[in-house]
């Protein structure tokens, strides 16, 4: 697989434990918000001493809060199609899976799903779709879907930004997505281990691992400068996947001067009709998972780390302290899934099983409980603080001020439009505490926006 040297990565995995002096130097570098090398990251992944792992955790929390502050961005996935031509052995949408109920949403159905999400308080959508045999037909459908989502208004509320998780496209078709107004383009390599990739992906466009890897290059060349990557943990050794991802990032930074805007850390979960999805061959402990997430935060300090509802509520809450900065809420992983209030896992049209089915209110309540500001912000996309511009602000830790202010504004909007009186009291108490930590100038700015919210204004930002 391009850019991935298996021998180098395996040697790093099997290397000796680093000395305490080496460890302290790496931690000191991390506290300066500097990007770690793959070799330095490997040393942290290989640490077994509990006292040193605790230091890794504490440093990850410091780095995350220094760059992004105590805010957590909320988003919701919207699946629009699960009719797929690929043969991914771990996925319910696999072409050969006869169990899955198939559906491709119409434009009207996409609008209805969007309306449901807006009524619940969601403002940021991640649009996902399976892949057909005709890329041009797919893109035409995607563009119409994006236009449909943006067209829906519920009272004062509308979708602020659509990010997408879609199959590889040509440069020309990526340009069409860019023109349609997407934010981040996400694509998971699934596994960076070439032999494993080829074994798990049969016929279909997805069977070529290098074409999938090159999709990021084409997206950058098309002008999409915010991208998201990540492996599906559980298909191969988690240390190999993480270090290979770091090598991929190093290539992107060298080639384009830019790494990923977000990294996702999904773990393999059971999927209807997939025997492989129940495999424990490459499963690893929760403690190793937490260490891995913390190391990602230290290795690529500027990136957002996304935690999906594959994980339990308890694990997701805990990982907020170890570097996670974005989480999905109230997820449904099937086309049309938001029309059903019942147990989502019971319907055989889902891509995989979920472990966290909390409502958005319950997720927000837990964030308040742990002192995090729930954020529905998409200001950077609309201020054109993307790509290299965003990184120039994020890397030295200067994006935190904007993140905090915009998080407070969007959270206040949420409380005014969707919370009952008791919930408002909880939320406003958190807001008061956070405002008290701001400078006098920033406090004035926030209070100005709050006055505008009382007057009925929405969707203001800095």
Protein backbone atom coordinates (compact mmCIF):
# COMPACT_ATOMS: atom_id res chain seq x y z
CA UNK A 1 0.00 0.00 0.00
CA UNK A 2 1.33 3.43 -0.93
CA UNK A 3 3.17 5.47 1.73
CA UNK A 4 3.03 2.55 4.20
CA UNK A 5 6.22 0.62 5.03
CA UNK A 6 5.09 -2.54 6.82
CA UNK A 7 8.60 -3.53 7.88
CA UNK A 8 9.28 -0.14 9.47
CA UNK A 9 6.00 -0.18 11.38
CA UNK A 10 6.44 -3.75 12.61
CA UNK A 11 9.95 -2.92 13.83
CA UNK A 12 8.56 0.04 15.78
CA UNK A 13 5.86 -2.14 17.34
CA UNK A 14 8.45 -4.68 18.43
CA UNK A 15 11.04 -2.16 19.60
CA UNK A 16 12.33 -2.03 23.16
CA UNK A 17 10.68 0.14 25.79
CA UNK A 18 11.97 3.71 25.76
CA UNK A 19 14.02 5.05 28.64
CA UNK A 20 12.53 7.43 31.19
CA UNK A 21 14.63 10.23 29.70
CA UNK A 22 13.24 9.55 26.23
CA UNK A 23 9.72 9.45 27.63
CA UNK A 24 10.12 12.74 29.48
CA UNK A 25 11.50 14.42 26.34
CA UNK A 26 8.54 13.25 24.26
CA UNK A 27 6.07 14.46 26.87
CA UNK A 28 7.83 17.83 27.07
CA UNK A 29 7.60 18.13 23.28
CA UNK A 30 3.89 17.34 23.43
CA UNK A 31 3.27 20.04 26.00
CA UNK A 32 4.76 22.50 23.53
CA UNK A 33 1.97 21.40 21.10
CA UNK A 34 4.53 20.01 18.67
CA UNK A 35 3.75 17.19 16.25
CA UNK A 36 5.38 13.88 17.20
CA UNK A 37 7.23 11.64 14.78
CA UNK A 38 5.95 8.14 14.08
CA UNK A 39 8.91 6.80 16.06
CA UNK A 40 8.09 8.95 19.10
CA UNK A 41 4.42 7.98 18.89
CA UNK A 42 5.38 4.30 18.77
CA UNK A 43 7.35 4.68 21.99
CA UNK A 44 4.25 6.05 23.74
CA UNK A 45 2.03 3.30 22.32
CA UNK A 46 4.43 0.69 23.67
CA UNK A 47 4.47 2.07 27.23
CA UNK A 48 3.18 -0.45 29.77
CA UNK A 49 4.01 1.25 33.07
CA UNK A 50 0.75 2.49 34.62
CA UNK A 51 2.35 5.57 36.14
CA UNK A 52 3.71 6.62 32.75
CA UNK A 53 0.38 5.91 31.05
CA UNK A 54 -1.23 8.21 33.60
CA UNK A 55 1.19 10.95 32.52
CA UNK A 56 0.24 10.31 28.87
CA UNK A 57 -3.43 10.73 29.81
CA UNK A 58 -2.82 13.94 31.75
CA UNK A 59 -0.78 15.38 28.89
CA UNK A 60 -3.45 14.47 26.34
CA UNK A 61 -6.04 16.34 28.39
CA UNK A 62 -3.71 19.34 28.68
CA UNK A 63 -3.04 19.43 24.93
CA UNK A 64 -6.69 19.09 23.99
CA UNK A 65 -7.83 21.80 26.38
CA UNK A 66 -4.96 24.11 25.41
CA UNK A 67 -5.88 23.94 21.72
CA UNK A 68 -9.66 23.59 21.77
CA UNK A 69 -10.74 24.46 25.29
CA UNK A 70 -13.53 22.78 27.23
CA UNK A 71 -15.94 22.47 24.34
CA UNK A 72 -17.22 19.39 22.51
CA UNK A 73 -18.68 19.67 19.03
CA UNK A 74 -21.90 17.71 18.41
CA UNK A 75 -23.00 16.31 15.07
CA UNK A 76 -25.41 13.68 13.77
CA UNK A 77 -24.98 11.18 10.91
CA UNK A 78 -27.56 11.06 8.12
CA UNK A 79 -27.48 7.92 5.99
CA UNK A 80 -29.12 8.43 2.60
CA UNK A 81 -28.46 5.10 0.84
CA UNK A 82 -27.40 1.55 1.76
CA UNK A 83 -27.60 -0.10 -1.69
CA UNK A 84 -23.93 -0.94 -2.28
CA UNK A 85 -21.80 -2.64 -4.97
CA UNK A 86 -18.86 -3.36 -2.68
CA UNK A 87 -18.08 -6.58 -0.83
CA UNK A 88 -16.77 -5.46 2.56
CA UNK A 89 -16.89 -8.52 4.79
CA UNK A 90 -17.42 -6.55 8.02
CA UNK A 91 -20.33 -4.39 6.85
CA UNK A 92 -24.09 -5.02 6.76
CA UNK A 93 -24.31 -3.06 3.52
CA UNK A 94 -22.10 -5.64 1.75
CA UNK A 95 -23.42 -6.39 -1.75
CA UNK A 96 -23.82 -10.10 -1.01
CA UNK A 97 -25.62 -9.66 2.31
CA UNK A 98 -29.19 -10.92 1.79
CA UNK A 99 -30.33 -9.99 5.31
CA UNK A 100 -30.05 -6.21 5.10
CA UNK A 101 -33.14 -4.25 4.09
CA UNK A 102 -32.09 -1.89 1.29
CA UNK A 103 -33.21 1.68 0.79
CA UNK A 104 -32.16 4.78 -1.13
CA UNK A 105 -33.86 7.90 0.21
CA UNK A 106 -35.69 10.19 -2.19
CA UNK A 107 -35.00 13.91 -2.04
CA UNK A 108 -38.29 14.44 -0.19
CA UNK A 109 -37.35 11.73 2.31
CA UNK A 110 -33.96 13.39 2.86
CA UNK A 111 -35.75 16.67 3.59
CA UNK A 112 -38.04 14.90 6.06
CA UNK A 113 -35.10 13.31 7.89
CA UNK A 114 -33.46 16.74 8.06
CA UNK A 115 -36.64 18.28 9.45
CA UNK A 116 -36.78 15.63 12.20
CA UNK A 117 -33.16 16.33 13.16
CA UNK A 118 -33.66 20.09 13.21
CA UNK A 119 -36.69 19.71 15.45
CA UNK A 120 -34.51 17.84 17.94
CA UNK A 121 -31.85 20.53 17.98
CA UNK A 122 -29.22 19.22 15.59
CA UNK A 123 -27.35 21.73 13.44
CA UNK A 124 -24.36 19.80 12.04
CA UNK A 125 -24.90 16.80 9.77
CA UNK A 126 -22.51 14.12 8.53
CA UNK A 127 -24.02 12.76 5.31
CA UNK A 128 -23.13 9.15 4.46
CA UNK A 129 -23.93 6.92 1.51
CA UNK A 130 -23.00 3.57 0.04
CA UNK A 131 -21.37 3.32 -3.40
CA UNK A 132 -22.90 2.45 -6.77
CA UNK A 133 -21.20 1.32 -9.98
CA UNK A 134 -21.55 4.79 -11.53
CA UNK A 135 -19.61 7.55 -9.79
CA UNK A 136 -21.20 10.32 -11.84
CA UNK A 137 -24.70 9.19 -10.89
CA UNK A 138 -23.62 9.08 -7.25
CA UNK A 139 -22.29 12.64 -7.33
CA UNK A 140 -25.44 13.97 -8.97
CA UNK A 141 -27.46 12.35 -6.18
CA UNK A 142 -25.09 13.64 -3.48
CA UNK A 143 -25.28 17.23 -4.74
CA UNK A 144 -29.09 17.11 -4.83
CA UNK A 145 -29.11 15.64 -1.31
CA UNK A 146 -26.82 18.40 -0.02
CA UNK A 147 -29.02 21.07 -1.59
CA UNK A 148 -32.08 19.42 -0.03
CA UNK A 149 -30.56 19.34 3.46
CA UNK A 150 -29.54 23.00 3.31
CA UNK A 151 -32.99 24.01 2.03
CA UNK A 152 -34.87 22.87 5.15
CA UNK A 153 -35.80 25.39 7.84
CA UNK A 154 -37.59 24.62 11.10
CA UNK A 155 -38.56 27.92 12.69
CA UNK A 156 -35.35 29.88 13.19
CA UNK A 157 -33.14 26.83 12.74
CA UNK A 158 -31.36 25.34 9.76
CA UNK A 159 -28.40 23.04 9.17
CA UNK A 160 -25.18 25.01 9.60
CA UNK A 161 -22.81 22.66 7.82
CA UNK A 162 -22.81 19.30 6.06
CA UNK A 163 -19.73 17.15 6.28
CA UNK A 164 -19.66 14.00 4.16
CA UNK A 165 -18.33 10.45 4.43
CA UNK A 166 -18.35 9.15 0.86
CA UNK A 167 -16.48 6.85 -1.50
CA UNK A 168 -13.47 8.06 -3.53
CA UNK A 169 -14.20 10.43 -6.40
CA UNK A 170 -12.38 12.01 -9.32
CA UNK A 171 -10.97 15.52 -8.91
CA UNK A 172 -13.77 16.88 -11.09
CA UNK A 173 -16.46 15.26 -8.96
CA UNK A 174 -14.79 16.40 -5.75
CA UNK A 175 -15.03 19.94 -7.13
CA UNK A 176 -18.80 19.44 -7.46
CA UNK A 177 -19.03 18.49 -3.78
CA UNK A 178 -16.95 21.53 -2.86
CA UNK A 179 -19.24 23.80 -4.90
CA UNK A 180 -22.29 22.26 -3.20
CA UNK A 181 -21.01 23.57 0.13
CA UNK A 182 -19.58 20.64 2.07
CA UNK A 183 -17.32 21.17 5.04
CA UNK A 184 -15.05 18.21 5.76
CA UNK A 185 -14.65 15.23 3.43
CA UNK A 186 -14.14 12.03 5.42
CA UNK A 187 -12.97 8.68 4.14
CA UNK A 188 -11.77 5.74 6.22
CA UNK A 189 -9.01 3.55 4.86
CA UNK A 190 -10.61 0.76 6.97
CA UNK A 191 -7.23 -0.98 7.30
CA UNK A 192 -3.77 0.21 6.32
CA UNK A 193 -2.50 -3.38 6.15
CA UNK A 194 -2.39 -4.22 2.45
CA UNK A 195 -2.90 -7.99 2.64
CA UNK A 196 -5.77 -7.64 5.11
CA UNK A 197 -7.40 -4.92 3.00
CA UNK A 198 -7.36 -7.07 -0.13
CA UNK A 199 -8.76 -10.09 1.73
CA UNK A 200 -11.65 -8.15 3.26
CA UNK A 201 -12.73 -6.28 0.13
CA UNK A 202 -13.85 -8.44 -2.79
CA UNK A 203 -15.20 -7.07 -6.03
CA UNK A 204 -16.33 -3.50 -6.47
CA UNK A 205 -14.54 -0.16 -6.68
CA UNK A 206 -13.48 -0.41 -3.04
CA UNK A 207 -11.28 -3.44 -3.74
CA UNK A 208 -8.35 -1.17 -4.71
CA UNK A 209 -6.62 0.06 -1.51
CA UNK A 210 -4.41 2.61 -3.27
CA UNK A 211 -7.35 4.26 -5.01
CA UNK A 212 -8.93 4.73 -1.60
CA UNK A 213 -5.71 6.12 -0.15
CA UNK A 214 -5.30 8.49 -3.10
CA UNK A 215 -8.82 9.89 -2.61
CA UNK A 216 -7.42 12.32 -0.03
CA UNK A 217 -4.89 13.59 -2.56
CA UNK A 218 -7.62 14.18 -5.13
CA UNK A 219 -9.83 15.93 -2.58
CA UNK A 220 -6.98 18.32 -1.71
CA UNK A 221 -6.29 18.96 -5.40
CA UNK A 222 -9.99 19.75 -5.90
CA UNK A 223 -9.84 22.45 -3.25
CA UNK A 224 -11.36 20.53 -0.33
CA UNK A 225 -8.86 21.45 2.36
CA UNK A 226 -10.56 19.92 5.42
CA UNK A 227 -10.38 16.14 5.36
CA UNK A 228 -10.99 13.34 7.86
CA UNK A 229 -9.33 9.94 8.05
CA UNK A 230 -9.08 6.87 10.27
CA UNK A 231 -8.91 3.07 10.26
CA UNK A 232 -11.65 0.73 11.45
CA UNK A 233 -10.02 -0.73 14.55
CA UNK A 234 -10.50 -4.47 14.86
CA UNK A 235 -9.65 -5.48 11.30
CA UNK A 236 -5.91 -5.68 12.09
CA UNK A 237 -3.45 -4.91 14.88
CA UNK A 238 -4.40 -1.57 16.44
CA UNK A 239 -0.81 -0.39 16.88
CA UNK A 240 -0.03 -1.09 13.23
CA UNK A 241 -3.15 0.81 12.10
CA UNK A 242 -2.32 3.82 14.28
CA UNK A 243 1.31 4.06 13.23
CA UNK A 244 0.40 3.53 9.57
CA UNK A 245 -2.11 6.36 9.87
CA UNK A 246 0.66 8.59 11.26
CA UNK A 247 2.80 7.69 8.24
CA UNK A 248 -0.11 8.59 5.95
CA UNK A 249 -0.42 11.94 7.75
CA UNK A 250 3.32 12.58 7.39
CA UNK A 251 2.99 11.99 3.65
CA UNK A 252 0.04 14.43 3.42
CA UNK A 253 1.91 17.08 5.40
CA UNK A 254 4.95 16.74 3.16
CA UNK A 255 2.97 16.64 -0.10
CA UNK A 256 0.28 19.24 0.65
CA UNK A 257 1.52 21.06 3.73
CA UNK A 258 -1.63 19.92 5.49
CA UNK A 259 -2.78 17.01 7.62
CA UNK A 260 -6.28 15.87 8.58
CA UNK A 261 -8.82 18.22 10.11
CA UNK A 262 -10.31 15.27 12.01
CA UNK A 263 -9.37 11.70 12.88
CA UNK A 264 -12.01 9.11 13.73
CA UNK A 265 -11.37 6.11 15.98
CA UNK A 266 -14.21 3.62 15.32
CA UNK A 267 -13.96 0.07 16.65
CA UNK A 268 -15.47 -2.93 14.87
CA UNK A 269 -19.01 -3.72 16.06
CA UNK A 270 -21.38 -6.59 15.13
CA UNK A 271 -23.24 -6.16 11.85
CA UNK A 272 -26.17 -8.22 10.60
CA UNK A 273 -25.10 -10.81 8.05
CA UNK A 274 -21.38 -10.40 8.76
CA UNK A 275 -19.61 -13.22 10.55
CA UNK A 276 -16.31 -11.35 10.46
CA UNK A 277 -17.78 -8.38 12.38
CA UNK A 278 -18.06 -10.65 15.43
CA UNK A 279 -14.41 -11.67 15.25
CA UNK A 280 -12.26 -10.97 18.30
CA UNK A 281 -8.97 -11.76 16.54
CA UNK A 282 -7.77 -8.17 16.63
CA UNK A 283 -9.82 -6.96 19.57
CA UNK A 284 -7.93 -5.00 22.22
CA UNK A 285 -8.73 -3.85 25.73
CA UNK A 286 -10.48 -0.64 26.69
CA UNK A 287 -7.32 0.44 28.49
CA UNK A 288 -5.27 0.00 25.32
CA UNK A 289 -7.97 1.89 23.42
CA UNK A 290 -7.76 4.83 25.81
CA UNK A 291 -3.97 4.86 25.57
CA UNK A 292 -4.19 4.82 21.78
CA UNK A 293 -6.62 7.78 21.68
CA UNK A 294 -4.38 9.75 24.04
CA UNK A 295 -1.34 9.03 21.86
CA UNK A 296 -3.22 10.22 18.76
CA UNK A 297 -3.97 13.48 20.57
CA UNK A 298 -0.27 13.91 21.37
CA UNK A 299 0.99 12.81 17.97
CA UNK A 300 -1.34 15.07 15.94
CA UNK A 301 -2.24 17.77 18.48
CA UNK A 302 -3.99 20.10 16.02
CA UNK A 303 -6.56 17.60 14.76
CA UNK A 304 -10.08 17.04 16.02
CA UNK A 305 -10.72 13.51 17.30
CA UNK A 306 -14.17 12.05 16.64
CA UNK A 307 -15.85 9.45 18.85
CA UNK A 308 -18.93 7.73 17.43
CA UNK A 309 -21.83 5.94 19.10
CA UNK A 310 -20.10 2.62 18.47
CA UNK A 311 -18.68 3.18 21.97
CA UNK A 312 -20.70 3.11 25.18
CA UNK A 313 -21.84 6.31 26.85
CA UNK A 314 -19.41 5.63 29.70
CA UNK A 315 -16.44 5.20 27.37
CA UNK A 316 -17.34 8.29 25.36
CA UNK A 317 -17.63 10.42 28.48
CA UNK A 318 -14.28 9.17 29.76
CA UNK A 319 -12.47 9.78 26.47
CA UNK A 320 -13.43 13.45 26.47
CA UNK A 321 -10.60 13.86 28.98
CA UNK A 322 -8.13 12.03 26.74
CA UNK A 323 -8.40 14.08 23.59
CA UNK A 324 -11.79 13.52 21.95
CA UNK A 325 -13.21 16.84 20.71
CA UNK A 326 -16.21 15.83 18.57
CA UNK A 327 -18.98 13.30 19.21
CA UNK A 328 -22.08 12.16 17.42
CA UNK A 329 -25.37 12.18 19.29
CA UNK A 330 -28.61 10.24 18.84
CA UNK A 331 -27.16 8.40 15.85
CA UNK A 332 -29.12 6.22 13.46
CA UNK A 333 -27.02 4.26 10.99
CA UNK A 334 -29.61 3.39 8.36
CA UNK A 335 -31.49 5.37 5.69
CA UNK A 336 -34.68 6.78 7.22
CA UNK A 337 -33.68 5.75 10.73
CA UNK A 338 -34.79 8.96 12.44
CA UNK A 339 -38.47 8.19 11.85
CA UNK A 340 -38.25 5.32 14.33
CA UNK A 341 -38.13 6.06 18.07
CA UNK A 342 -37.64 2.37 18.95
CA UNK A 343 -34.44 0.37 19.49
CA UNK A 344 -32.45 1.15 16.37
CA UNK A 345 -30.38 -2.02 16.65
CA UNK A 346 -33.49 -4.19 16.22
CA UNK A 347 -34.04 -3.19 12.57
CA UNK A 348 -32.08 -5.09 9.92
CA UNK A 349 -31.21 -2.07 7.81
CA UNK A 350 -28.43 -0.73 10.04
CA UNK A 351 -24.77 -0.71 9.07
CA UNK A 352 -23.59 -1.89 12.49
CA UNK A 353 -24.79 -2.16 16.08
CA UNK A 354 -24.71 0.91 18.32
CA UNK A 355 -23.69 1.00 21.97
CA UNK A 356 -24.82 4.52 22.79
CA UNK A 357 -28.44 5.33 21.93
CA UNK A 358 -28.84 8.35 24.21
CA UNK A 359 -31.00 11.20 22.97
CA UNK A 360 -29.34 14.51 22.19
CA UNK A 361 -30.78 15.87 25.45
CA UNK A 362 -29.11 13.08 27.42
CA UNK A 363 -25.77 13.64 25.66
CA UNK A 364 -25.93 17.39 26.29
CA UNK A 365 -26.88 16.76 29.92
CA UNK A 366 -23.81 14.59 30.43
CA UNK A 367 -21.56 17.19 28.82
CA UNK A 368 -22.93 19.79 31.23
CA UNK A 369 -22.36 17.39 34.12
CA UNK A 370 -18.68 17.00 33.19
CA UNK A 371 -18.14 20.72 32.60
CA UNK A 372 -17.95 20.71 28.80
CA UNK A 373 -19.70 23.25 26.58
CA UNK A 374 -21.88 21.47 24.00
CA UNK A 375 -21.08 23.16 20.70
CA UNK A 376 -23.09 23.24 17.46
CA UNK A 377 -20.62 25.64 15.85
CA UNK A 378 -19.65 25.64 12.18
CA UNK A 379 -18.15 29.14 12.15
CA UNK A 380 -14.72 28.21 10.79
CA UNK A 381 -16.22 26.86 7.57
CA UNK A 382 -18.18 30.05 6.98
CA UNK A 383 -15.33 32.34 7.99
CA UNK A 384 -13.09 30.38 5.62
CA UNK A 385 -10.91 29.34 8.53
CA UNK A 386 -10.20 26.00 6.88
CA UNK A 387 -7.15 24.10 5.72
CA UNK A 388 -3.89 25.95 6.24
CA UNK A 389 -5.64 29.03 7.63
CA UNK A 390 -7.26 26.93 10.36
CA UNK A 391 -4.01 25.11 11.11
CA UNK A 392 -2.11 28.39 11.43
CA UNK A 393 -4.50 29.34 14.25
CA UNK A 394 -4.97 25.89 15.80
CA UNK A 395 -1.36 24.71 16.00
CA UNK A 396 -0.19 27.44 18.41
CA UNK A 397 -3.39 27.08 20.46
CA UNK A 398 -5.04 30.31 19.31
CA UNK A 399 -8.30 28.77 18.05
CA UNK A 400 -9.51 28.10 21.61
CA UNK A 401 -10.85 31.63 22.15
CA UNK A 402 -13.01 31.47 19.03
CA UNK A 403 -14.10 27.90 19.81
CA UNK A 404 -15.18 28.85 23.33
CA UNK A 405 -17.14 31.94 22.30
CA UNK A 406 -18.88 30.21 19.39
CA UNK A 407 -19.65 27.18 21.55
CA UNK A 408 -21.31 29.41 24.16
CA UNK A 409 -23.38 31.18 21.47
CA UNK A 410 -24.61 27.95 19.87
CA UNK A 411 -25.32 26.34 23.23
CA UNK A 412 -27.35 29.37 24.31
CA UNK A 413 -29.38 29.06 21.10
CA UNK A 414 -29.99 25.39 21.84
CA UNK A 415 -31.21 26.15 25.36
CA UNK A 416 -33.55 28.89 24.17
CA UNK A 417 -35.10 26.81 21.37
CA UNK A 418 -35.12 23.23 22.66
CA UNK A 419 -34.72 23.05 26.45
CA UNK A 420 -37.40 23.02 29.13
CA UNK A 421 -37.07 25.34 32.14
CA UNK A 422 -35.22 22.88 34.37
CA UNK A 423 -32.77 22.00 31.62
CA UNK A 424 -32.22 25.72 30.92
CA UNK A 425 -31.24 26.24 34.55
CA UNK A 426 -28.57 23.55 34.29
CA UNK A 427 -27.26 24.88 31.00
CA UNK A 428 -27.27 28.53 32.04
CA UNK A 429 -25.36 27.69 35.21
CA UNK A 430 -22.61 26.12 33.07
CA UNK A 431 -22.65 29.16 30.78
CA UNK A 432 -22.28 31.52 33.76
CA UNK A 433 -19.31 29.52 35.03
CA UNK A 434 -17.62 29.56 31.62
CA UNK A 435 -18.26 33.26 31.06
CA UNK A 436 -16.63 34.05 34.40
CA UNK A 437 -13.41 32.51 33.06
CA UNK A 438 -13.31 34.82 30.01
CA UNK A 439 -11.47 38.11 29.67
CA UNK A 440 -13.50 41.28 30.11
CA UNK A 441 -13.47 41.86 26.34
CA UNK A 442 -14.61 38.33 25.47
CA UNK A 443 -17.30 38.54 28.14
CA UNK A 444 -18.66 41.66 26.46
CA UNK A 445 -18.63 39.92 23.08
CA UNK A 446 -20.56 36.92 24.40
CA UNK A 447 -23.13 39.05 26.21
CA UNK A 448 -23.68 41.06 23.01
CA UNK A 449 -24.52 37.87 21.13
CA UNK A 450 -26.74 36.68 23.98
CA UNK A 451 -28.75 39.90 23.74
CA UNK A 452 -29.21 39.24 20.04
CA UNK A 453 -30.43 35.71 20.79
CA UNK A 454 -33.08 37.16 23.11
CA UNK A 455 -34.19 39.41 20.23
CA UNK A 456 -34.68 36.35 18.03
CA UNK A 457 -31.39 36.38 16.13
CA UNK A 458 -29.83 33.03 15.29
CA UNK A 459 -26.70 31.67 13.71
CA UNK A 460 -24.33 34.49 14.65
CA UNK A 461 -20.66 33.76 15.21
CA UNK A 462 -17.17 35.23 15.29
